[in-house]
C-alpha atoms as a PDB file:
ATOM      1  CA  MET A   1       0.043   0.106  -0.222  1.00  0.00           C
ATOM      2  CA  ASN A   2       1.233   3.660  -0.721  1.00  0.00           C
ATOM      3  CA  THR A   3       1.636   6.044   2.077  1.00  0.00           C
ATOM      4  CA  TYR A   4      -0.516   8.851   1.452  1.00  0.00           C
ATOM      5  CA  THR A   5       0.025  12.571   3.701  1.00  0.00           C
ATOM      6  CA  VAL A   6      -2.086  13.006   6.560  1.00  0.00           C
ATOM      7  CA  THR A   7      -3.472  15.930   4.663  1.00  0.00           C
ATOM      8  CA  THR A   8      -4.592  13.982   1.908  1.00  0.00           C
ATOM      9  CA  ILE A   9      -5.755  11.368   3.961  1.00  0.00           C
ATOM     10  CA  GLU A  10      -8.000  13.780   6.190  1.00  0.00           C
ATOM     11  CA  GLN A  11      -9.541  15.467   3.423  1.00  0.00           C
ATOM     12  CA  PHE A  12     -10.698  11.955   1.807  1.00  0.00           C
ATOM     13  CA  ARG A  13     -12.301  11.817   5.509  1.00  0.00           C
ATOM     14  CA  ALA A  14     -14.024  14.829   5.396  1.00  0.00           C
ATOM     15  CA  TYR A  15     -15.592  14.045   2.530  1.00  0.00           C
ATOM     16  CA  GLY A  16     -16.846  11.091   3.981  1.00  0.00           C
ATOM     17  CA  ALA A  17     -14.852   8.485   2.518  1.00  0.00           C
ATOM     18  CA  LYS A  18     -14.373   4.931   4.204  1.00  0.00           C
ATOM     19  CA  GLU A  19     -11.188   3.080   4.949  1.00  0.00           C
ATOM     20  CA  ASN A  20      -9.433  -0.554   4.089  1.00  0.00           C
ATOM     21  CA  VAL A  21     -13.328  -1.356   2.520  1.00  0.00           C
ATOM     22  CA  PRO A  22     -13.235  -5.339   0.996  1.00  0.00           C
ATOM     23  CA  LEU A  23     -13.585  -5.249  -2.306  1.00  0.00           C
ATOM     24  CA  SER A  24     -15.537  -8.738  -2.048  1.00  0.00           C
ATOM     25  CA  GLU A  25     -18.279  -6.469  -0.860  1.00  0.00           C
ATOM     26  CA  LEU A  26     -18.275  -3.900  -3.746  1.00  0.00           C
ATOM     27  CA  THR A  27     -17.965  -6.913  -6.562  1.00  0.00           C
ATOM     28  CA  SER A  28     -20.500  -9.054  -7.547  1.00  0.00           C
ATOM     29  CA  PHE A  29     -17.561 -11.532  -8.133  1.00  0.00           C
ATOM     30  CA  ARG A  30     -17.522 -11.630  -4.352  1.00  0.00           C
ATOM     31  CA  ILE A  31     -13.675 -11.380  -4.758  1.00  0.00           C
ATOM     32  CA  GLY A  32     -10.948  -8.786  -3.595  1.00  0.00           C
ATOM     33  CA  GLY A  33      -8.822  -7.514  -0.799  1.00  0.00           C
ATOM     34  CA  ASN A  34      -9.220  -4.260   0.408  1.00  0.00           C
ATOM     35  CA  ALA A  35      -9.588  -0.826  -0.893  1.00  0.00           C
ATOM     36  CA  ALA A  36      -7.921   2.125   0.911  1.00  0.00           C
ATOM     37  CA  PHE A  37     -10.431   4.612   0.280  1.00  0.00           C
ATOM     38  CA  VAL A  38     -13.773   4.076  -1.097  1.00  0.00           C
ATOM     39  CA  TRP A  39     -16.292   7.179  -1.505  1.00  0.00           C
ATOM     40  CA  GLU A  40     -19.879   7.368  -2.552  1.00  0.00           C
ATOM     41  CA  VAL A  41     -20.771  10.236  -4.920  1.00  0.00           C
ATOM     42  CA  ASN A  42     -24.036  12.163  -3.446  1.00  0.00           C
ATOM     43  CA  ASP A  43     -23.642  14.974  -5.832  1.00  0.00           C
ATOM     44  CA  TYR A  44     -21.569  16.239  -8.835  1.00  0.00           C
ATOM     45  CA  ARG A  45     -19.552  19.161  -7.013  1.00  0.00           C
ATOM     46  CA  SER A  46     -18.451  16.966  -4.754  1.00  0.00           C
ATOM     47  CA  LEU A  47     -16.853  14.470  -7.246  1.00  0.00           C
ATOM     48  CA  ALA A  48     -15.122  16.928  -8.606  1.00  0.00           C
ATOM     49  CA  ALA A  49     -13.392  18.084  -5.221  1.00  0.00           C
ATOM     50  CA  VAL A  50     -12.670  14.539  -3.907  1.00  0.00           C
ATOM     51  CA  LEU A  51     -10.876  14.032  -7.691  1.00  0.00           C
ATOM     52  CA  ALA A  52      -8.945  17.128  -7.243  1.00  0.00           C
ATOM     53  CA  ILE A  53      -7.663  15.989  -3.670  1.00  0.00           C
ATOM     54  CA  ALA A  54      -6.879  12.527  -5.187  1.00  0.00           C
ATOM     55  CA  GLU A  55      -4.726  13.968  -8.203  1.00  0.00           C
ATOM     56  CA  GLU A  56      -2.871  16.356  -5.900  1.00  0.00           C
ATOM     57  CA  GLY A  57      -2.235  13.949  -3.335  1.00  0.00           C
ATOM     58  CA  GLY A  58      -1.067  11.386  -6.127  1.00  0.00           C
ATOM     59  CA  VAL A  59      -3.870   8.955  -4.979  1.00  0.00           C
ATOM     60  CA  PRO A  60      -5.123   6.708  -8.042  1.00  0.00           C
ATOM     61  CA  VAL A  61      -8.616   6.489  -8.466  1.00  0.00           C
ATOM     62  CA  TYR A  62     -10.729   3.805 -10.103  1.00  0.00           C
ATOM     63  CA  LEU A  63     -14.451   4.584 -10.649  1.00  0.00           C
ATOM     64  CA  LEU A  64     -16.776   1.691  -9.797  1.00  0.00           C
ATOM     65  CA  GLY A  65     -20.784   1.147 -10.204  1.00  0.00           C
ATOM     66  CA  LYS A  66     -22.254  -1.492  -9.008  1.00  0.00           C
ATOM     67  CA  GLY A  67     -18.987  -3.938  -9.977  1.00  0.00           C
ATOM     68  CA  THR A  68     -20.983  -6.558 -11.773  1.00  0.00           C
ATOM     69  CA  ASN A  69     -18.165  -7.046 -14.521  1.00  0.00           C
ATOM     70  CA  ILE A  70     -14.912  -6.773 -11.914  1.00  0.00           C
ATOM     71  CA  LEU A  71     -12.555  -9.064 -11.273  1.00  0.00           C
ATOM     72  CA  ALA A  72     -10.613  -7.210  -8.194  1.00  0.00           C
ATOM     73  CA  SER A  73      -7.515  -8.045  -6.768  1.00  0.00           C
ATOM     74  CA  ASP A  74      -6.597 -10.044  -3.684  1.00  0.00           C
ATOM     75  CA  ALA A  75      -4.097  -7.830  -2.822  1.00  0.00           C
ATOM     76  CA  GLY A  76      -6.750  -4.576  -3.227  1.00  0.00           C
ATOM     77  CA  TYR A  77      -6.214  -1.702  -3.988  1.00  0.00           C
ATOM     78  CA  SER A  78      -3.925   1.093  -2.898  1.00  0.00           C
ATOM     79  CA  GLY A  79      -6.146   3.903  -4.001  1.00  0.00           C
ATOM     80  CA  LEU A  80      -9.383   5.365  -4.089  1.00  0.00           C
ATOM     81  CA  VAL A  81     -12.207   3.535  -4.926  1.00  0.00           C
ATOM     82  CA  ILE A  82     -15.091   6.435  -6.407  1.00  0.00           C
ATOM     83  CA  ARG A  83     -18.423   4.328  -6.109  1.00  0.00           C
ATOM     84  CA  PHE A  84     -21.198   5.523  -8.195  1.00  0.00           C
ATOM     85  CA  ASP A  85     -23.869   3.412  -7.578  1.00  0.00           C
ATOM     86  CA  ARG A  86     -26.888   4.955  -6.445  1.00  0.00           C
ATOM     87  CA  PRO A  87     -28.916   7.721  -8.396  1.00  0.00           C
ATOM     88  CA  THR A  88     -28.585  11.387  -7.194  1.00  0.00           C
ATOM     89  CA  HIS A  89     -32.138  12.463  -8.608  1.00  0.00           C
ATOM     90  CA  ALA A  90     -34.841  10.412  -9.926  1.00  0.00           C
ATOM     91  CA  PRO A  91     -35.621  10.226 -13.201  1.00  0.00           C
ATOM     92  CA  VAL A  92     -37.019  12.956 -15.320  1.00  0.00           C
ATOM     93  CA  PHE A  93     -39.155  12.463 -18.099  1.00  0.00           C
ATOM     94  CA  VAL A  94     -40.124  15.464 -20.973  1.00  0.00           C
ATOM     95  CA  GLY A  95     -42.347  13.745 -23.835  1.00  0.00           C
ATOM     96  CA  ASN A  96     -40.195  11.275 -25.084  1.00  0.00           C
ATOM     97  CA  THR A  97     -37.108  11.714 -23.201  1.00  0.00           C
ATOM     98  CA  VAL A  98     -35.799  10.682 -20.152  1.00  0.00           C
ATOM     99  CA  ARG A  99     -32.718  12.107 -18.082  1.00  0.00           C
ATOM    100  CA  VAL A 100     -31.177  10.103 -15.566  1.00  0.00           C
ATOM    101  CA  CYS A 101     -28.220  10.049 -13.066  1.00  0.00           C
ATOM    102  CA  ALA A 102     -25.414   7.567 -14.062  1.00  0.00           C
ATOM    103  CA  GLY A 103     -25.846   5.661 -10.677  1.00  0.00           C
ATOM    104  CA  THR A 104     -29.372   4.462 -11.416  1.00  0.00           C
ATOM    105  CA  SER A 105     -29.733   0.946 -12.143  1.00  0.00           C
ATOM    106  CA  LEU A 106     -30.439   0.004 -15.953  1.00  0.00           C
ATOM    107  CA  THR A 107     -33.058  -2.819 -14.827  1.00  0.00           C
ATOM    108  CA  GLN A 108     -35.031  -0.340 -12.518  1.00  0.00           C
ATOM    109  CA  LEU A 109     -35.073   2.402 -15.439  1.00  0.00           C
ATOM    110  CA  ALA A 110     -35.931  -0.275 -18.073  1.00  0.00           C
ATOM    111  CA  LYS A 111     -38.953  -1.107 -15.734  1.00  0.00           C
ATOM    112  CA  GLU A 112     -40.063   2.633 -15.263  1.00  0.00           C
ATOM    113  CA  THR A 113     -39.934   3.278 -18.709  1.00  0.00           C
ATOM    114  CA  VAL A 114     -41.927   0.413 -19.781  1.00  0.00           C
ATOM    115  CA  ALA A 115     -44.465   1.348 -16.737  1.00  0.00           C
ATOM    116  CA  GLN A 116     -44.339   5.143 -18.064  1.00  0.00           C
ATOM    117  CA  GLY A 117     -45.587   3.869 -21.537  1.00  0.00           C
ATOM    118  CA  PHE A 118     -42.520   3.407 -23.596  1.00  0.00           C
ATOM    119  CA  MET A 119     -40.201   0.873 -25.418  1.00  0.00           C
ATOM    120  CA  GLY A 120     -36.473   0.881 -26.164  1.00  0.00           C
ATOM    121  CA  MET A 121     -35.249  -0.137 -22.892  1.00  0.00           C
ATOM    122  CA  GLU A 122     -37.030  -3.504 -22.398  1.00  0.00           C
ATOM    123  CA  ARG A 123     -34.178  -5.700 -23.786  1.00  0.00           C
ATOM    124  CA  LEU A 124     -31.666  -4.016 -21.577  1.00  0.00           C
ATOM    125  CA  SER A 125     -33.733  -5.092 -18.609  1.00  0.00           C
ATOM    126  CA  GLY A 126     -32.140  -7.908 -16.435  1.00  0.00           C
ATOM    127  CA  ILE A 127     -28.319  -6.142 -16.952  1.00  0.00           C
ATOM    128  CA  PRO A 128     -27.102  -5.921 -13.633  1.00  0.00           C
ATOM    129  CA  GLY A 129     -25.458  -2.544 -13.555  1.00  0.00           C
ATOM    130  CA  THR A 130     -25.666   1.385 -13.798  1.00  0.00           C
ATOM    131  CA  VAL A 131     -27.013   3.840 -16.644  1.00  0.00           C
ATOM    132  CA  GLY A 132     -23.258   5.204 -16.203  1.00  0.00           C
ATOM    133  CA  GLY A 133     -21.430   1.753 -16.696  1.00  0.00           C
ATOM    134  CA  ALA A 134     -24.193   0.887 -19.508  1.00  0.00           C
ATOM    135  CA  CYS A 135     -22.879   4.275 -21.155  1.00  0.00           C
ATOM    136  CA  ALA A 136     -19.130   3.376 -20.959  1.00  0.00           C
ATOM    137  CA  MET A 137     -19.217   0.146 -22.200  1.00  0.00           C
ATOM    138  CA  ASN A 138     -22.299   0.454 -24.747  1.00  0.00           C
ATOM    139  CA  ALA A 139     -24.030  -2.469 -23.072  1.00  0.00           C
ATOM    140  CA  GLY A 140     -26.374  -4.795 -25.095  1.00  0.00           C
ATOM    141  CA  ALA A 141     -28.167  -7.587 -24.755  1.00  0.00           C
ATOM    142  CA  TYR A 142     -30.530  -9.865 -27.260  1.00  0.00           C
ATOM    143  CA  GLY A 143     -29.917  -7.526 -30.198  1.00  0.00           C
ATOM    144  CA  ALA A 144     -30.183  -4.115 -28.309  1.00  0.00           C
ATOM    145  CA  GLU A 145     -27.347  -1.501 -27.580  1.00  0.00           C
ATOM    146  CA  ILE A 146     -28.047   1.523 -25.382  1.00  0.00           C
ATOM    147  CA  LYS A 147     -26.307   3.494 -28.240  1.00  0.00           C
ATOM    148  CA  GLN A 148     -29.833   2.801 -29.933  1.00  0.00           C
ATOM    149  CA  ILE A 149     -31.485   5.402 -27.588  1.00  0.00           C
ATOM    150  CA  LEU A 150     -28.499   7.501 -26.366  1.00  0.00           C
ATOM    151  CA  SER A 151     -29.142  11.387 -27.017  1.00  0.00           C
ATOM    152  CA  ARG A 152     -26.735  12.712 -25.028  1.00  0.00           C
ATOM    153  CA  VAL A 153     -24.368  12.187 -22.105  1.00  0.00           C
ATOM    154  CA  HIS A 154     -23.674  14.707 -19.345  1.00  0.00           C
ATOM    155  CA  VAL A 155     -19.489  13.819 -18.268  1.00  0.00           C
ATOM    156  CA  LEU A 156     -17.117  15.335 -16.180  1.00  0.00           C
ATOM    157  CA  GLU A 157     -14.154  15.941 -17.980  1.00  0.00           C
ATOM    158  CA  ASN A 158     -10.569  17.257 -17.006  1.00  0.00           C
ATOM    159  CA  GLY A 159     -12.690  19.086 -13.860  1.00  0.00           C
ATOM    160  CA  THR A 160     -15.197  20.128 -16.023  1.00  0.00           C
ATOM    161  CA  ASP A 161     -18.596  19.003 -16.793  1.00  0.00           C
ATOM    162  CA  ARG A 162     -20.706  19.349 -20.131  1.00  0.00           C
ATOM    163  CA  TRP A 163     -22.804  17.979 -21.995  1.00  0.00           C
ATOM    164  CA  ILE A 164     -21.979  15.476 -25.360  1.00  0.00           C
ATOM    165  CA  ASP A 165     -24.309  15.086 -28.282  1.00  0.00           C
ATOM    166  CA  VAL A 166     -23.287  10.952 -28.989  1.00  0.00           C
ATOM    167  CA  ASN A 167     -22.760   9.782 -32.252  1.00  0.00           C
ATOM    168  CA  PRO A 168     -23.935   6.225 -32.378  1.00  0.00           C
ATOM    169  CA  ASP A 169     -20.498   5.747 -34.935  1.00  0.00           C
ATOM    170  CA  GLU A 170     -18.513   6.100 -32.268  1.00  0.00           C
ATOM    171  CA  MET A 171     -19.810   3.307 -30.073  1.00  0.00           C
ATOM    172  CA  GLY A 172     -19.435  -0.148 -30.818  1.00  0.00           C
ATOM    173  CA  TYR A 173     -19.390  -3.630 -29.165  1.00  0.00           C
ATOM    174  CA  ARG A 174     -18.424  -2.701 -25.921  1.00  0.00           C
ATOM    175  CA  LYS A 175     -16.879   0.320 -27.376  1.00  0.00           C
ATOM    176  CA  SER A 176     -17.734   3.755 -25.952  1.00  0.00           C
ATOM    177  CA  PRO A 177     -16.310   7.274 -25.753  1.00  0.00           C
ATOM    178  CA  PHE A 178     -17.479   7.356 -22.845  1.00  0.00           C
ATOM    179  CA  SER A 179     -15.408   5.233 -20.725  1.00  0.00           C
ATOM    180  CA  PHE A 180     -13.483   6.189 -17.283  1.00  0.00           C
ATOM    181  CA  PRO A 181     -10.889   7.692 -17.042  1.00  0.00           C
ATOM    182  CA  GLN A 182     -10.854  10.101 -20.325  1.00  0.00           C
ATOM    183  CA  ARG A 183     -14.773  10.739 -18.917  1.00  0.00           C
ATOM    184  CA  ILE A 184     -17.247  10.140 -16.151  1.00  0.00           C
ATOM    185  CA  VAL A 185     -20.468   9.874 -17.089  1.00  0.00           C
ATOM    186  CA  LEU A 186     -22.607  12.151 -14.417  1.00  0.00           C
ATOM    187  CA  GLU A 187     -26.043  11.875 -16.341  1.00  0.00           C
ATOM    188  CA  ALA A 188     -27.908  10.802 -19.699  1.00  0.00           C
ATOM    189  CA  GLU A 189     -30.436  11.762 -22.003  1.00  0.00           C
ATOM    190  CA  LEU A 190     -32.750   8.450 -23.711  1.00  0.00           C
ATOM    191  CA  ARG A 191     -34.808   9.276 -26.284  1.00  0.00           C
ATOM    192  CA  LEU A 192     -37.758   6.729 -26.403  1.00  0.00           C
ATOM    193  CA  LEU A 193     -40.540   5.801 -28.119  1.00  0.00           C
ATOM    194  CA  PRO A 194     -44.363   5.188 -27.461  1.00  0.00           C
ATOM    195  CA  ASP A 195     -44.718   1.294 -26.718  1.00  0.00           C
ATOM    196  CA  ASP A 196     -46.295  -0.687 -29.324  1.00  0.00           C
ATOM    197  CA  GLY A 197     -47.845  -2.851 -27.269  1.00  0.00           C
ATOM    198  CA  GLY A 198     -45.221  -5.356 -26.544  1.00  0.00           C
ATOM    199  CA  ALA A 199     -42.608  -4.083 -24.318  1.00  0.00           C
ATOM    200  CA  ALA A 200     -44.160  -5.512 -21.327  1.00  0.00           C
ATOM    201  CA  ALA A 201     -44.421  -8.652 -22.955  1.00  0.00           C
ATOM    202  CA  ARG A 202     -40.861  -8.548 -24.563  1.00  0.00           C
ATOM    203  CA  MET A 203     -39.404  -7.593 -21.031  1.00  0.00           C
ATOM    204  CA  GLN A 204     -40.587 -10.555 -19.451  1.00  0.00           C
ATOM    205  CA  ASP A 205     -39.349 -12.889 -22.154  1.00  0.00           C
ATOM    206  CA  CYS A 206     -36.041 -11.517 -21.648  1.00  0.00           C
ATOM    207  CA  THR A 207     -35.543 -11.654 -18.040  1.00  0.00           C
ATOM    208  CA  ALA A 208     -36.957 -15.523 -18.124  1.00  0.00           C
ATOM    209  CA  ARG A 209     -34.479 -16.311 -20.627  1.00  0.00           C
ATOM    210  CA  ARG A 210     -31.980 -14.841 -18.609  1.00  0.00           C
ATOM    211  CA  ARG A 211     -32.853 -16.514 -15.680  1.00  0.00           C
ATOM    212  CA  GLU A 212     -32.784 -20.103 -17.720  1.00  0.00           C
ATOM    213  CA  LYS A 213     -29.862 -19.492 -19.096  1.00  0.00           C
ATOM    214  CA  GLN A 214     -27.522 -17.664 -17.127  1.00  0.00           C
ATOM    215  CA  PRO A 215     -26.634 -18.659 -13.444  1.00  0.00           C
ATOM    216  CA  ILE A 216     -27.404 -15.671 -11.857  1.00  0.00           C
ATOM    217  CA  GLU A 217     -27.694 -17.859  -8.208  1.00  0.00           C
ATOM    218  CA  TYR A 218     -24.073 -17.847  -7.937  1.00  0.00           C
ATOM    219  CA  PRO A 219     -21.448 -15.049  -8.142  1.00  0.00           C
ATOM    220  CA  SER A 220     -19.753 -13.927 -11.116  1.00  0.00           C
ATOM    221  CA  ALA A 221     -18.758 -11.017 -12.975  1.00  0.00           C
ATOM    222  CA  GLY A 222     -21.194 -11.814 -16.304  1.00  0.00           C
ATOM    223  CA  SER A 223     -20.265 -13.095 -19.656  1.00  0.00           C
ATOM    224  CA  VAL A 224     -16.289 -13.669 -19.558  1.00  0.00           C
ATOM    225  CA  PHE A 225     -15.198 -12.923 -22.788  1.00  0.00           C
ATOM    226  CA  LYS A 226     -16.349 -10.926 -25.599  1.00  0.00           C
ATOM    227  CA  ARG A 227     -18.135 -12.190 -28.580  1.00  0.00           C
ATOM    228  CA  PRO A 228     -15.448 -12.897 -31.240  1.00  0.00           C
ATOM    229  CA  GLU A 229     -16.664 -12.380 -34.706  1.00  0.00           C
ATOM    230  CA  GLY A 230     -18.340 -15.336 -36.421  1.00  0.00           C
ATOM    231  CA  TYR A 231     -18.992 -16.901 -32.852  1.00  0.00           C
ATOM    232  CA  PHE A 232     -20.494 -17.530 -29.621  1.00  0.00           C
ATOM    233  CA  ALA A 233     -17.698 -17.530 -26.698  1.00  0.00           C
ATOM    234  CA  GLY A 234     -19.926 -19.797 -24.843  1.00  0.00           C
ATOM    235  CA  ALA A 235     -20.064 -22.504 -27.585  1.00  0.00           C
ATOM    236  CA  LEU A 236     -16.563 -22.297 -28.260  1.00  0.00           C
ATOM    237  CA  ILE A 237     -15.713 -23.113 -24.241  1.00  0.00           C
ATOM    238  CA  GLU A 238     -18.382 -25.917 -24.293  1.00  0.00           C
ATOM    239  CA  GLN A 239     -17.264 -27.660 -27.624  1.00  0.00           C
ATOM    240  CA  CYS A 240     -13.413 -28.040 -26.119  1.00  0.00           C
ATOM    241  CA  GLY A 241     -15.251 -29.691 -22.993  1.00  0.00           C
ATOM    242  CA  LEU A 242     -14.745 -26.941 -20.755  1.00  0.00           C
ATOM    243  CA  LYS A 243     -17.976 -26.773 -18.901  1.00  0.00           C
ATOM    244  CA  GLY A 244     -17.620 -27.490 -15.380  1.00  0.00           C
ATOM    245  CA  ARG A 245     -14.128 -27.140 -15.528  1.00  0.00           C
ATOM    246  CA  GLN A 246     -12.928 -25.773 -12.162  1.00  0.00           C
ATOM    247  CA  ILE A 247     -10.157 -24.344 -10.587  1.00  0.00           C
ATOM    248  CA  GLY A 248      -9.603 -23.777  -6.695  1.00  0.00           C
ATOM    249  CA  GLY A 249     -13.458 -21.977  -6.056  1.00  0.00           C
ATOM    250  CA  ALA A 250     -13.859 -20.616  -9.652  1.00  0.00           C
ATOM    251  CA  GLN A 251     -15.753 -22.764 -12.015  1.00  0.00           C
ATOM    252  CA  VAL A 252     -16.948 -22.424 -16.165  1.00  0.00           C
ATOM    253  CA  SER A 253     -20.956 -22.503 -15.001  1.00  0.00           C
ATOM    254  CA  GLU A 254     -22.671 -25.904 -15.852  1.00  0.00           C
ATOM    255  CA  LYS A 255     -25.538 -23.815 -17.704  1.00  0.00           C
ATOM    256  CA  HIS A 256     -23.546 -21.551 -19.319  1.00  0.00           C
ATOM    257  CA  ALA A 257     -19.893 -22.055 -20.224  1.00  0.00           C
ATOM    258  CA  GLY A 258     -19.478 -18.232 -21.491  1.00  0.00           C
ATOM    259  CA  PHE A 259     -19.745 -17.585 -17.278  1.00  0.00           C
ATOM    260  CA  ILE A 260     -17.057 -18.485 -14.634  1.00  0.00           C
ATOM    261  CA  ILE A 261     -18.691 -18.427 -11.118  1.00  0.00           C
ATOM    262  CA  ASN A 262     -17.197 -18.187  -7.999  1.00  0.00           C
ATOM    263  CA  ARG A 263     -18.456 -21.477  -6.106  1.00  0.00           C
ATOM    264  CA  GLY A 264     -17.087 -20.751  -2.730  1.00  0.00           C
ATOM    265  CA  GLY A 265     -13.950 -19.286  -1.781  1.00  0.00           C
ATOM    266  CA  ALA A 266     -12.922 -18.211  -4.942  1.00  0.00           C
ATOM    267  CA  THR A 267     -10.223 -16.282  -5.819  1.00  0.00           C
ATOM    268  CA  GLU A 268      -8.880 -13.667  -8.293  1.00  0.00           C
ATOM    269  CA  ASN A 269      -5.292 -16.521  -9.141  1.00  0.00           C
ATOM    270  CA  ASP A 270      -8.110 -19.106  -9.414  1.00  0.00           C
ATOM    271  CA  VAL A 271     -10.338 -16.959 -11.879  1.00  0.00           C
ATOM    272  CA  SER A 272      -6.873 -15.833 -13.966  1.00  0.00           C
ATOM    273  CA  ALA A 273      -5.808 -19.447 -14.195  1.00  0.00           C
ATOM    274  CA  LEU A 274      -9.222 -20.736 -15.500  1.00  0.00           C
ATOM    275  CA  ILE A 275      -9.301 -17.593 -17.582  1.00  0.00           C
ATOM    276  CA  ALA A 276      -6.124 -18.238 -18.884  1.00  0.00           C
ATOM    277  CA  GLU A 277      -6.559 -22.109 -19.459  1.00  0.00           C
ATOM    278  CA  ILE A 278      -9.844 -21.352 -21.348  1.00  0.00           C
ATOM    279  CA  GLN A 279      -8.163 -19.325 -23.562  1.00  0.00           C
ATOM    280  CA  ALA A 280      -5.345 -21.743 -24.215  1.00  0.00           C
ATOM    281  CA  THR A 281      -7.344 -24.560 -24.806  1.00  0.00           C
ATOM    282  CA  VAL A 282      -9.902 -22.502 -27.370  1.00  0.00           C
ATOM    283  CA  THR A 283      -7.131 -21.257 -29.633  1.00  0.00           C
ATOM    284  CA  ALA A 284      -5.547 -24.543 -29.422  1.00  0.00           C
ATOM    285  CA  GLU A 285      -8.635 -26.526 -30.490  1.00  0.00           C
ATOM    286  CA  ARG A 286     -10.624 -24.002 -32.540  1.00  0.00           C
ATOM    287  CA  GLY A 287      -8.020 -21.237 -33.635  1.00  0.00           C
ATOM    288  CA  VAL A 288     -10.168 -18.585 -31.718  1.00  0.00           C
ATOM    289  CA  ARG A 289      -8.529 -15.911 -29.460  1.00  0.00           C
ATOM    290  CA  LEU A 290     -10.888 -14.989 -26.695  1.00  0.00           C
ATOM    291  CA  GLU A 291     -10.911 -11.439 -25.286  1.00  0.00           C
ATOM    292  CA  CYS A 292     -11.630 -10.553 -22.079  1.00  0.00           C
ATOM    293  CA  GLU A 293     -14.814  -8.845 -21.413  1.00  0.00           C
ATOM    294  CA  ILE A 294     -14.710  -8.610 -17.503  1.00  0.00           C
ATOM    295  CA  LYS A 295     -12.278  -5.472 -16.399  1.00  0.00           C
ATOM    296  CA  ARG A 296      -9.472  -6.218 -13.961  1.00  0.00           C
ATOM    297  CA  MET A 297      -9.233  -4.024 -10.981  1.00  0.00           C
ATOM    298  CA  GLY A 298      -5.658  -3.781  -8.734  1.00  0.00           C
ATOM    299  CA  ASP A 299      -2.268  -2.198  -8.425  1.00  0.00           C
ATOM    300  CA  GLY A 300      -0.654  -2.397 -11.369  1.00  0.00           C
ATOM    301  CA  VAL A 301      -3.068  -4.428 -13.323  1.00  0.00           C
ATOM    302  CA  CYS A 302      -3.967  -3.205 -17.252  1.00  0.00           C
ATOM    303  CA  ILE A 303      -7.367  -1.895 -17.183  1.00  0.00           C
ATOM    304  CA  SER A 304      -8.655  -2.846 -20.735  1.00  0.00           C
END
């Protein structure tokens, strides 16, 4: 762990930052050592101030939403985790648009838009992240991506906040210009369509499919690998006979081979070893290189 000045530590404390918080409590994988500091966003002005304190004190920063696609280090994180997993204001509906805080649950927002008589978000219901995270990675499922309905994004960049009109061509598969550390998403404006009468049914269908096919009963970080062009990662892994393969507490899900689950007591090393074995096996047997979709978090870890 790095040693920070008393002034920096006291400034963090003044803003309500917590110290030595287990990352296993902040991530859906339930894996990870302690973060030196964790601060929860409560307003945008305070966010800018806390970031300035970290920069002046030489403290590395990691932005975390609900931690649903994160593999945290067993050694923890010696910097400041800024947690933005709760809304600072309720969704604001004006005509066919909705302005929503980055910390808002994507699933809860999808349900609310359907209840308000709109469609466009129903297939995103069930994705266990925040609106900010969805903007940062162009979240999608069942043929829908957030870029299809994303109109403007309110970001914090270099200490200044501004609204940016969205160019869908700049957003691709798990790719977005609204990602940390270049930008922090504060709010998003979504453009919806009037419900054609089938939005609720489509949302229920997507929810049922997730429950049937995904191992939601175990801790995980969601789909581990990006979809390789022309293939499905889960199918490739299953074809290589790796379904159910286990290292320590980490296991390739027997329900969906695209997921690695924490069967109990899994460590970062367990998951990393399993990922490496999967990649090597699929490359050797199927000639396809699988690229990780989950993000790694920890000191000296490449975040990509």
